């Protein structure tokens, strides 16, 4: 299974664009920071992740407030066929509590 869920802020976001097939898409960078327990020791986990929202969700994502905290659900895939870089594909998101 390839499913990822985490809380993050929208750090940067490009404008809504369309693929050659006419699918709306928005690229972004998400930023996460949390305390996690690993091997019984607390550690600070911080990362930025490239993300994109395609299709129906892209419109709502393009209007989401920059800097606001959201819970994201999606999956990870290679940026393109020949790349080793990963991109988080947003399936859904909601305001974090």
PDB file of N, CA and C in Angstrom:
ATOM      1  N   UNK A   1       0.844  -1.173   0.000  1.00  0.00           N
ATOM      2  CA  UNK A   1       0.000   0.000   0.000  1.00  0.00           C
ATOM      3  C   UNK A   1       0.891   1.237   0.000  1.00  0.00           C
ATOM      4  N   UNK A   2       0.513   2.227  -0.743  1.00  0.00           N
ATOM      5  CA  UNK A   2       1.235   3.494  -0.834  1.00  0.00           C
ATOM      6  C   UNK A   2       0.268   4.590  -0.435  1.00  0.00           C
ATOM      7  N   UNK A   3       0.222   4.877   0.874  1.00  0.00           N
ATOM      8  CA  UNK A   3      -0.648   5.940   1.379  1.00  0.00           C
ATOM      9  C   UNK A   3       0.117   6.703   2.440  1.00  0.00           C
ATOM     10  N   UNK A   4       0.054   8.011   2.372  1.00  0.00           N
ATOM     11  CA  UNK A   4       0.763   8.863   3.301  1.00  0.00           C
ATOM     12  C   UNK A   4      -0.204   9.917   3.820  1.00  0.00           C
ATOM     13  N   UNK A   5      -0.167  10.132   5.140  1.00  0.00           N
ATOM     14  CA  UNK A   5      -1.011  11.154   5.756  1.00  0.00           C
ATOM     15  C   UNK A   5      -0.155  11.908   6.759  1.00  0.00           C
ATOM     16  N   UNK A   6      -0.152  13.227   6.661  1.00  0.00           N
ATOM     17  CA  UNK A   6       0.621  14.045   7.584  1.00  0.00           C
ATOM     18  C   UNK A   6       0.057  15.456   7.627  1.00  0.00           C
ATOM     19  N   UNK A   7       0.440  16.189   8.667  1.00  0.00           N
ATOM     20  CA  UNK A   7       0.031  17.581   8.843  1.00  0.00           C
ATOM     21  C   UNK A   7       1.168  18.460   8.352  1.00  0.00           C
ATOM     22  N   UNK A   8       0.827  19.469   7.563  1.00  0.00           N
ATOM     23  CA  UNK A   8       1.853  20.349   6.994  1.00  0.00           C
ATOM     24  C   UNK A   8       1.243  21.698   6.661  1.00  0.00           C
ATOM     25  N   UNK A   9       2.121  22.656   6.407  1.00  0.00           N
ATOM     26  CA  UNK A   9       1.688  23.957   5.917  1.00  0.00           C
ATOM     27  C   UNK A   9       2.038  24.053   4.436  1.00  0.00           C
ATOM     28  N   UNK A  10       1.267  24.845   3.718  1.00  0.00           N
ATOM     29  CA  UNK A  10       1.568  25.093   2.309  1.00  0.00           C
ATOM     30  C   UNK A  10       2.596  26.213   2.287  1.00  0.00           C
ATOM     31  N   UNK A  11       3.829  25.866   2.008  1.00  0.00           N
ATOM     32  CA  UNK A  11       4.929  26.818   2.027  1.00  0.00           C
ATOM     33  C   UNK A  11       4.951  27.663   0.757  1.00  0.00           C
ATOM     34  N   UNK A  12       4.855  27.008  -0.389  1.00  0.00           N
ATOM     35  CA  UNK A  12       4.831  27.670  -1.704  1.00  0.00           C
ATOM     36  C   UNK A  12       3.818  26.949  -2.577  1.00  0.00           C
ATOM     37  N   UNK A  13       3.251  27.686  -3.536  1.00  0.00           N
ATOM     38  CA  UNK A  13       2.299  27.068  -4.455  1.00  0.00           C
ATOM     39  C   UNK A  13       2.349  27.785  -5.789  1.00  0.00           C
ATOM     40  N   UNK A  14       2.390  27.025  -6.869  1.00  0.00           N
ATOM     41  CA  UNK A  14       2.345  27.588  -8.211  1.00  0.00           C
ATOM     42  C   UNK A  14       0.893  27.889  -8.586  1.00  0.00           C
ATOM     43  N   UNK A  15       0.721  28.590  -9.684  1.00  0.00           N
ATOM     44  CA  UNK A  15      -0.632  28.867 -10.177  1.00  0.00           C
ATOM     45  C   UNK A  15      -1.198  27.614 -10.849  1.00  0.00           C
ATOM     46  N   UNK A  16      -2.503  27.548 -10.872  1.00  0.00           N
ATOM     47  CA  UNK A  16      -3.203  26.440 -11.518  1.00  0.00           C
ATOM     48  C   UNK A  16      -2.832  26.404 -13.001  1.00  0.00           C
ATOM     49  N   UNK A  17      -2.459  25.228 -13.484  1.00  0.00           N
ATOM     50  CA  UNK A  17      -2.137  25.061 -14.899  1.00  0.00           C
ATOM     51  C   UNK A  17      -2.836  23.802 -15.397  1.00  0.00           C
ATOM     52  N   UNK A  18      -2.694  23.529 -16.686  1.00  0.00           N
ATOM     53  CA  UNK A  18      -3.349  22.361 -17.272  1.00  0.00           C
ATOM     54  C   UNK A  18      -2.325  21.497 -17.996  1.00  0.00           C
ATOM     55  N   UNK A  19      -2.454  20.187 -17.833  1.00  0.00           N
ATOM     56  CA  UNK A  19      -1.578  19.255 -18.547  1.00  0.00           C
ATOM     57  C   UNK A  19      -1.983  19.247 -20.017  1.00  0.00           C
ATOM     58  N   UNK A  20      -1.152  18.669 -20.895  1.00  0.00           N
ATOM     59  CA  UNK A  20      -1.545  18.568 -22.309  1.00  0.00           C
ATOM     60  C   UNK A  20      -2.873  17.830 -22.506  1.00  0.00           C
ATOM     61  N   UNK A  21      -3.216  16.970 -21.565  1.00  0.00           N
ATOM     62  CA  UNK A  21      -4.482  16.235 -21.652  1.00  0.00           C
ATOM     63  C   UNK A  21      -5.659  17.041 -21.090  1.00  0.00           C
ATOM     64  N   UNK A  22      -5.388  18.277 -20.605  1.00  0.00           N
ATOM     65  CA  UNK A  22      -6.449  19.133 -20.100  1.00  0.00           C
ATOM     66  C   UNK A  22      -6.780  18.948 -18.627  1.00  0.00           C
ATOM     67  N   UNK A  23      -5.937  18.222 -17.884  1.00  0.00           N
ATOM     68  CA  UNK A  23      -6.178  17.992 -16.458  1.00  0.00           C
ATOM     69  C   UNK A  23      -5.608  19.170 -15.663  1.00  0.00           C
ATOM     70  N   UNK A  24      -6.420  19.800 -14.803  1.00  0.00           N
ATOM     71  CA  UNK A  24      -5.903  20.899 -13.977  1.00  0.00           C
ATOM     72  C   UNK A  24      -4.934  20.360 -12.930  1.00  0.00           C
ATOM     73  N   UNK A  25      -3.858  21.106 -12.685  1.00  0.00           N
ATOM     74  CA  UNK A  25      -2.823  20.639 -11.759  1.00  0.00           C
ATOM     75  C   UNK A  25      -2.173  21.841 -11.071  1.00  0.00           C
ATOM     76  N   UNK A  26      -1.831  21.669  -9.795  1.00  0.00           N
ATOM     77  CA  UNK A  26      -1.154  22.705  -9.020  1.00  0.00           C
ATOM     78  C   UNK A  26       0.024  22.048  -8.301  1.00  0.00           C
ATOM     79  N   UNK A  27       1.213  22.599  -8.485  1.00  0.00           N
ATOM     80  CA  UNK A  27       2.412  22.113  -7.784  1.00  0.00           C
ATOM     81  C   UNK A  27       2.645  22.979  -6.559  1.00  0.00           C
ATOM     82  N   UNK A  28       3.249  22.382  -5.529  1.00  0.00           N
ATOM     83  CA  UNK A  28       3.477  23.117  -4.292  1.00  0.00           C
ATOM     84  C   UNK A  28       4.631  22.502  -3.512  1.00  0.00           C
ATOM     85  N   UNK A  29       5.023  23.213  -2.461  1.00  0.00           N
ATOM     86  CA  UNK A  29       5.973  22.688  -1.484  1.00  0.00           C
ATOM     87  C   UNK A  29       5.287  22.722  -0.136  1.00  0.00           C
ATOM     88  N   UNK A  30       5.255  21.579   0.550  1.00  0.00           N
ATOM     89  CA  UNK A  30       4.663  21.474   1.875  1.00  0.00           C
ATOM     90  C   UNK A  30       5.772  21.404   2.909  1.00  0.00           C
ATOM     91  N   UNK A  31       5.515  21.954   4.095  1.00  0.00           N
ATOM     92  CA  UNK A  31       6.499  21.963   5.177  1.00  0.00           C
ATOM     93  C   UNK A  31       5.896  21.307   6.417  1.00  0.00           C
ATOM     94  N   UNK A  32       6.638  20.358   7.001  1.00  0.00           N
ATOM     95  CA  UNK A  32       6.172  19.610   8.174  1.00  0.00           C
ATOM     96  C   UNK A  32       7.171  19.742   9.309  1.00  0.00           C
ATOM     97  N   UNK A  33       6.666  19.819  10.540  1.00  0.00           N
ATOM     98  CA  UNK A  33       7.505  19.824  11.741  1.00  0.00           C
ATOM     99  C   UNK A  33       6.730  19.146  12.861  1.00  0.00           C
ATOM    100  N   UNK A  34       7.344  18.150  13.506  1.00  0.00           N
ATOM    101  CA  UNK A  34       6.680  17.466  14.612  1.00  0.00           C
ATOM    102  C   UNK A  34       7.707  16.776  15.504  1.00  0.00           C
ATOM    103  N   UNK A  35       7.248  16.371  16.681  1.00  0.00           N
ATOM    104  CA  UNK A  35       8.057  15.562  17.591  1.00  0.00           C
ATOM    105  C   UNK A  35       7.610  14.118  17.408  1.00  0.00           C
ATOM    106  N   UNK A  36       8.552  13.212  17.188  1.00  0.00           N
ATOM    107  CA  UNK A  36       8.264  11.789  17.022  1.00  0.00           C
ATOM    108  C   UNK A  36       9.119  10.993  18.003  1.00  0.00           C
ATOM    109  N   UNK A  37       8.628   9.819  18.396  1.00  0.00           N
ATOM    110  CA  UNK A  37       9.393   8.944  19.269  1.00  0.00           C
ATOM    111  C   UNK A  37       9.955   7.812  18.423  1.00  0.00           C
ATOM    112  N   UNK A  38      11.277   7.672  18.477  1.00  0.00           N
ATOM    113  CA  UNK A  38      11.967   6.617  17.734  1.00  0.00           C
ATOM    114  C   UNK A  38      12.908   5.902  18.700  1.00  0.00           C
ATOM    115  N   UNK A  39      12.752   4.590  18.832  1.00  0.00           N
ATOM    116  CA  UNK A  39      13.575   3.789  19.741  1.00  0.00           C
ATOM    117  C   UNK A  39      13.538   4.362  21.161  1.00  0.00           C
ATOM    118  N   UNK A  40      12.360   4.842  21.564  1.00  0.00           N
ATOM    119  CA  UNK A  40      12.180   5.368  22.901  1.00  0.00           C
ATOM    120  C   UNK A  40      12.714   6.773  23.125  1.00  0.00           C
ATOM    121  N   UNK A  41      13.211   7.416  22.095  1.00  0.00           N
ATOM    122  CA  UNK A  41      13.793   8.749  22.219  1.00  0.00           C
ATOM    123  C   UNK A  41      12.997   9.722  21.355  1.00  0.00           C
ATOM    124  N   UNK A  42      12.645  10.891  21.952  1.00  0.00           N
ATOM    125  CA  UNK A  42      11.956  11.917  21.165  1.00  0.00           C
ATOM    126  C   UNK A  42      12.926  12.594  20.223  1.00  0.00           C
ATOM    127  N   UNK A  43      12.452  12.837  19.011  1.00  0.00           N
ATOM    128  CA  UNK A  43      13.272  13.580  18.049  1.00  0.00           C
ATOM    129  C   UNK A  43      12.395  14.535  17.259  1.00  0.00           C
ATOM    130  N   UNK A  44      12.999  15.622  16.874  1.00  0.00           N
ATOM    131  CA  UNK A  44      12.327  16.621  16.053  1.00  0.00           C
ATOM    132  C   UNK A  44      12.432  16.184  14.597  1.00  0.00           C
ATOM    133  N   UNK A  45      11.292  16.131  13.934  1.00  0.00           N
ATOM    134  CA  UNK A  45      11.260  15.758  12.514  1.00  0.00           C
ATOM    135  C   UNK A  45      10.784  16.971  11.730  1.00  0.00           C
ATOM    136  N   UNK A  46      11.600  17.425  10.805  1.00  0.00           N
ATOM    137  CA  UNK A  46      11.256  18.552   9.946  1.00  0.00           C
ATOM    138  C   UNK A  46      11.614  18.198   8.511  1.00  0.00           C
ATOM    139  N   UNK A  47      10.699  18.514   7.584  1.00  0.00           N
ATOM    140  CA  UNK A  47      11.014  18.300   6.171  1.00  0.00           C
ATOM    141  C   UNK A  47      10.133  19.169   5.291  1.00  0.00           C
ATOM    142  N   UNK A  48      10.608  19.374   4.083  1.00  0.00           N
ATOM    143  CA  UNK A  48       9.817  19.997   3.028  1.00  0.00           C
ATOM    144  C   UNK A  48       9.632  18.946   1.954  1.00  0.00           C
ATOM    145  N   UNK A  49       8.456  18.934   1.344  1.00  0.00           N
ATOM    146  CA  UNK A  49       8.158  17.919   0.341  1.00  0.00           C
ATOM    147  C   UNK A  49       7.471  18.548  -0.860  1.00  0.00           C
ATOM    148  N   UNK A  50       7.937  18.196  -2.038  1.00  0.00           N
ATOM    149  CA  UNK A  50       7.264  18.605  -3.268  1.00  0.00           C
ATOM    150  C   UNK A  50       5.924  17.884  -3.330  1.00  0.00           C
ATOM    151  N   UNK A  51       4.890  18.607  -3.744  1.00  0.00           N
ATOM    152  CA  UNK A  51       3.554  18.027  -3.796  1.00  0.00           C
ATOM    153  C   UNK A  51       2.812  18.542  -5.012  1.00  0.00           C
ATOM    154  N   UNK A  52       1.750  17.826  -5.383  1.00  0.00           N
ATOM    155  CA  UNK A  52       0.876  18.312  -6.447  1.00  0.00           C
ATOM    156  C   UNK A  52      -0.533  17.835  -6.206  1.00  0.00           C
ATOM    157  N   UNK A  53      -1.464  18.638  -6.669  1.00  0.00           N
ATOM    158  CA  UNK A  53      -2.884  18.311  -6.621  1.00  0.00           C
ATOM    159  C   UNK A  53      -3.387  18.328  -8.056  1.00  0.00           C
ATOM    160  N   UNK A  54      -3.974  17.230  -8.472  1.00  0.00           N
ATOM    161  CA  UNK A  54      -4.444  17.119  -9.859  1.00  0.00           C
ATOM    162  C   UNK A  54      -5.935  16.808  -9.893  1.00  0.00           C
ATOM    163  N   UNK A  55      -6.568  17.248 -10.942  1.00  0.00           N
ATOM    164  CA  UNK A  55      -7.984  16.965 -11.121  1.00  0.00           C
ATOM    165  C   UNK A  55      -8.860  17.853 -10.259  1.00  0.00           C
ATOM    166  N   UNK A  56      -9.949  17.297  -9.751  1.00  0.00           N
ATOM    167  CA  UNK A  56     -10.948  18.044  -9.007  1.00  0.00           C
ATOM    168  C   UNK A  56     -10.392  18.763  -7.776  1.00  0.00           C
ATOM    169  N   UNK A  57      -9.488  18.126  -7.055  1.00  0.00           N
ATOM    170  CA  UNK A  57      -8.940  18.691  -5.819  1.00  0.00           C
ATOM    171  C   UNK A  57      -8.058  19.913  -6.085  1.00  0.00           C
ATOM    172  N   UNK A  58      -7.558  20.064  -7.302  1.00  0.00           N
ATOM    173  CA  UNK A  58      -6.621  21.152  -7.611  1.00  0.00           C
ATOM    174  C   UNK A  58      -7.258  22.538  -7.433  1.00  0.00           C
ATOM    175  N   UNK A  59      -8.521  22.677  -7.741  1.00  0.00           N
ATOM    176  CA  UNK A  59      -9.190  23.968  -7.586  1.00  0.00           C
ATOM    177  C   UNK A  59      -9.275  24.384  -6.132  1.00  0.00           C
ATOM    178  N   UNK A  60      -9.688  23.462  -5.273  1.00  0.00           N
ATOM    179  CA  UNK A  60      -9.787  23.756  -3.838  1.00  0.00           C
ATOM    180  C   UNK A  60      -8.402  24.020  -3.253  1.00  0.00           C
ATOM    181  N   UNK A  61      -7.414  23.224  -3.686  1.00  0.00           N
ATOM    182  CA  UNK A  61      -6.047  23.396  -3.186  1.00  0.00           C
ATOM    183  C   UNK A  61      -5.474  24.746  -3.629  1.00  0.00           C
ATOM    184  N   UNK A  62      -5.778  25.181  -4.841  1.00  0.00           N
ATOM    185  CA  UNK A  62      -5.243  26.454  -5.339  1.00  0.00           C
ATOM    186  C   UNK A  62      -5.811  27.651  -4.570  1.00  0.00           C
ATOM    187  N   UNK A  63      -6.957  27.475  -3.898  1.00  0.00           N
ATOM    188  CA  UNK A  63      -7.559  28.548  -3.117  1.00  0.00           C
ATOM    189  C   UNK A  63      -7.222  28.467  -1.626  1.00  0.00           C
ATOM    190  N   UNK A  64      -6.558  27.396  -1.195  1.00  0.00           N
ATOM    191  CA  UNK A  64      -6.215  27.230   0.219  1.00  0.00           C
ATOM    192  C   UNK A  64      -5.205  28.296   0.638  1.00  0.00           C
ATOM    193  N   UNK A  65      -5.321  28.750   1.860  1.00  0.00           N
ATOM    194  CA  UNK A  65      -4.470  29.823   2.369  1.00  0.00           C
ATOM    195  C   UNK A  65      -3.024  29.353   2.545  1.00  0.00           C
ATOM    196  N   UNK A  66      -2.093  30.115   1.985  1.00  0.00           N
ATOM    197  CA  UNK A  66      -0.673  29.827   2.190  1.00  0.00           C
ATOM    198  C   UNK A  66      -0.352  29.989   3.676  1.00  0.00           C
ATOM    199  N   UNK A  67       0.447  29.093   4.221  1.00  0.00           N
ATOM    200  CA  UNK A  67       0.848  29.161   5.617  1.00  0.00           C
ATOM    201  C   UNK A  67      -0.131  28.512   6.580  1.00  0.00           C
ATOM    202  N   UNK A  68      -1.332  28.177   6.122  1.00  0.00           N
ATOM    203  CA  UNK A  68      -2.309  27.519   6.986  1.00  0.00           C
ATOM    204  C   UNK A  68      -1.919  26.047   7.170  1.00  0.00           C
ATOM    205  N   UNK A  69      -2.292  25.486   8.314  1.00  0.00           N
ATOM    206  CA  UNK A  69      -1.962  24.091   8.623  1.00  0.00           C
ATOM    207  C   UNK A  69      -3.104  23.194   8.162  1.00  0.00           C
ATOM    208  N   UNK A  70      -2.751  22.162   7.403  1.00  0.00           N
ATOM    209  CA  UNK A  70      -3.741  21.215   6.879  1.00  0.00           C
ATOM    210  C   UNK A  70      -3.278  19.786   7.118  1.00  0.00           C
ATOM    211  N   UNK A  71      -4.241  18.875   7.164  1.00  0.00           N
ATOM    212  CA  UNK A  71      -3.923  17.450   7.181  1.00  0.00           C
ATOM    213  C   UNK A  71      -4.075  16.953   5.743  1.00  0.00           C
ATOM    214  N   UNK A  72      -3.009  16.382   5.215  1.00  0.00           N
ATOM    215  CA  UNK A  72      -2.986  15.920   3.831  1.00  0.00           C
ATOM    216  C   UNK A  72      -3.017  14.403   3.762  1.00  0.00           C
ATOM    217  N   UNK A  73      -3.718  13.895   2.775  1.00  0.00           N
ATOM    218  CA  UNK A  73      -3.753  12.457   2.489  1.00  0.00           C
ATOM    219  C   UNK A  73      -3.413  12.282   1.019  1.00  0.00           C
ATOM    220  N   UNK A  74      -2.598  11.291   0.721  1.00  0.00           N
ATOM    221  CA  UNK A  74      -2.239  11.035  -0.663  1.00  0.00           C
ATOM    222  C   UNK A  74      -1.258   9.890  -0.800  1.00  0.00           C
ATOM    223  N   UNK A  75      -0.494   9.922  -1.866  1.00  0.00           N
ATOM    224  CA  UNK A  75       0.490   8.880  -2.132  1.00  0.00           C
ATOM    225  C   UNK A  75       1.755   9.508  -2.705  1.00  0.00           C
ATOM    226  N   UNK A  76       2.820   8.746  -2.712  1.00  0.00           N
ATOM    227  CA  UNK A  76       4.111   9.207  -3.207  1.00  0.00           C
ATOM    228  C   UNK A  76       4.438   8.474  -4.505  1.00  0.00           C
ATOM    229  N   UNK A  77       4.940   9.222  -5.482  1.00  0.00           N
ATOM    230  CA  UNK A  77       5.335   8.625  -6.769  1.00  0.00           C
ATOM    231  C   UNK A  77       6.553   9.370  -7.305  1.00  0.00           C
ATOM    232  N   UNK A  78       7.244   8.755  -8.251  1.00  0.00           N
ATOM    233  CA  UNK A  78       8.372   9.425  -8.888  1.00  0.00           C
ATOM    234  C   UNK A  78       7.882  10.666  -9.633  1.00  0.00           C
ATOM    235  N   UNK A  79       8.736  11.689  -9.655  1.00  0.00           N
ATOM    236  CA  UNK A  79       8.386  12.943 -10.324  1.00  0.00           C
ATOM    237  C   UNK A  79       8.055  12.704 -11.793  1.00  0.00           C
ATOM    238  N   UNK A  80       8.817  11.881 -12.436  1.00  0.00           N
ATOM    239  CA  UNK A  80       8.522  11.447 -13.802  1.00  0.00           C
ATOM    240  C   UNK A  80       9.146  10.074 -14.003  1.00  0.00           C
ATOM    241  N   UNK A  81       8.933   9.501 -15.149  1.00  0.00           N
ATOM    242  CA  UNK A  81       9.350   8.132 -15.420  1.00  0.00           C
ATOM    243  C   UNK A  81      10.827   7.872 -15.160  1.00  0.00           C
ATOM    244  N   UNK A  82      11.700   8.813 -15.503  1.00  0.00           N
ATOM    245  CA  UNK A  82      13.142   8.587 -15.392  1.00  0.00           C
ATOM    246  C   UNK A  82      13.771   9.216 -14.146  1.00  0.00           C
ATOM    247  N   UNK A  83      12.968   9.823 -13.294  1.00  0.00           N
ATOM    248  CA  UNK A  83      13.474  10.522 -12.115  1.00  0.00           C
ATOM    249  C   UNK A  83      13.510   9.615 -10.895  1.00  0.00           C
ATOM    250  N   UNK A  84      14.426   9.903  -9.987  1.00  0.00           N
ATOM    251  CA  UNK A  84      14.440   9.231  -8.690  1.00  0.00           C
ATOM    252  C   UNK A  84      13.798  10.102  -7.623  1.00  0.00           C
ATOM    253  N   UNK A  85      13.547  11.381  -7.951  1.00  0.00           N
ATOM    254  CA  UNK A  85      12.917  12.307  -7.011  1.00  0.00           C
ATOM    255  C   UNK A  85      11.451  11.924  -6.799  1.00  0.00           C
ATOM    256  N   UNK A  86      10.976  12.077  -5.551  1.00  0.00           N
ATOM    257  CA  UNK A  86       9.600  11.729  -5.216  1.00  0.00           C
ATOM    258  C   UNK A  86       8.734  12.980  -5.078  1.00  0.00           C
ATOM    259  N   UNK A  87       7.458  12.822  -5.384  1.00  0.00           N
ATOM    260  CA  UNK A  87       6.468  13.890  -5.248  1.00  0.00           C
ATOM    261  C   UNK A  87       5.256  13.306  -4.524  1.00  0.00           C
ATOM    262  N   UNK A  88       4.728  14.074  -3.577  1.00  0.00           N
ATOM    263  CA  UNK A  88       3.521  13.688  -2.858  1.00  0.00           C
ATOM    264  C   UNK A  88       2.305  14.121  -3.669  1.00  0.00           C
ATOM    265  N   UNK A  89       1.439  13.186  -4.022  1.00  0.00           N
ATOM    266  CA  UNK A  89       0.220  13.473  -4.786  1.00  0.00           C
ATOM    267  C   UNK A  89      -0.936  13.618  -3.808  1.00  0.00           C
ATOM    268  N   UNK A  90      -1.493  14.816  -3.724  1.00  0.00           N
ATOM    269  CA  UNK A  90      -2.565  15.101  -2.773  1.00  0.00           C
ATOM    270  C   UNK A  90      -3.888  14.552  -3.277  1.00  0.00           C
ATOM    271  N   UNK A  91      -4.504  13.696  -2.472  1.00  0.00           N
ATOM    272  CA  UNK A  91      -5.824  13.142  -2.790  1.00  0.00           C
ATOM    273  C   UNK A  91      -6.900  13.927  -2.060  1.00  0.00           C
ATOM    274  N   UNK A  92      -6.601  14.338  -0.812  1.00  0.00           N
ATOM    275  CA  UNK A  92      -7.553  15.123  -0.028  1.00  0.00           C
ATOM    276  C   UNK A  92      -6.785  15.919   1.028  1.00  0.00           C
ATOM    277  N   UNK A  93      -7.404  16.957   1.536  1.00  0.00           N
ATOM    278  CA  UNK A  93      -6.830  17.724   2.634  1.00  0.00           C
ATOM    279  C   UNK A  93      -7.929  18.441   3.380  1.00  0.00           C
ATOM    280  N   UNK A  94      -7.665  18.730   4.647  1.00  0.00           N
ATOM    281  CA  UNK A  94      -8.634  19.447   5.470  1.00  0.00           C
ATOM    282  C   UNK A  94      -7.879  20.265   6.506  1.00  0.00           C
ATOM    283  N   UNK A  95      -8.551  21.248   7.084  1.00  0.00           N
ATOM    284  CA  UNK A  95      -7.912  22.079   8.104  1.00  0.00           C
ATOM    285  C   UNK A  95      -7.534  21.193   9.289  1.00  0.00           C
ATOM    286  N   UNK A  96      -6.306  21.362   9.778  1.00  0.00           N
ATOM    287  CA  UNK A  96      -5.840  20.568  10.917  1.00  0.00           C
ATOM    288  C   UNK A  96      -6.428  21.148  12.196  1.00  0.00           C
ATOM    289  N   UNK A  97      -6.704  20.279  13.131  1.00  0.00           N
ATOM    290  CA  UNK A  97      -7.297  20.703  14.413  1.00  0.00           C
ATOM    291  C   UNK A  97      -6.282  21.393  15.305  1.00  0.00           C
TER     292      UNK A  97
END
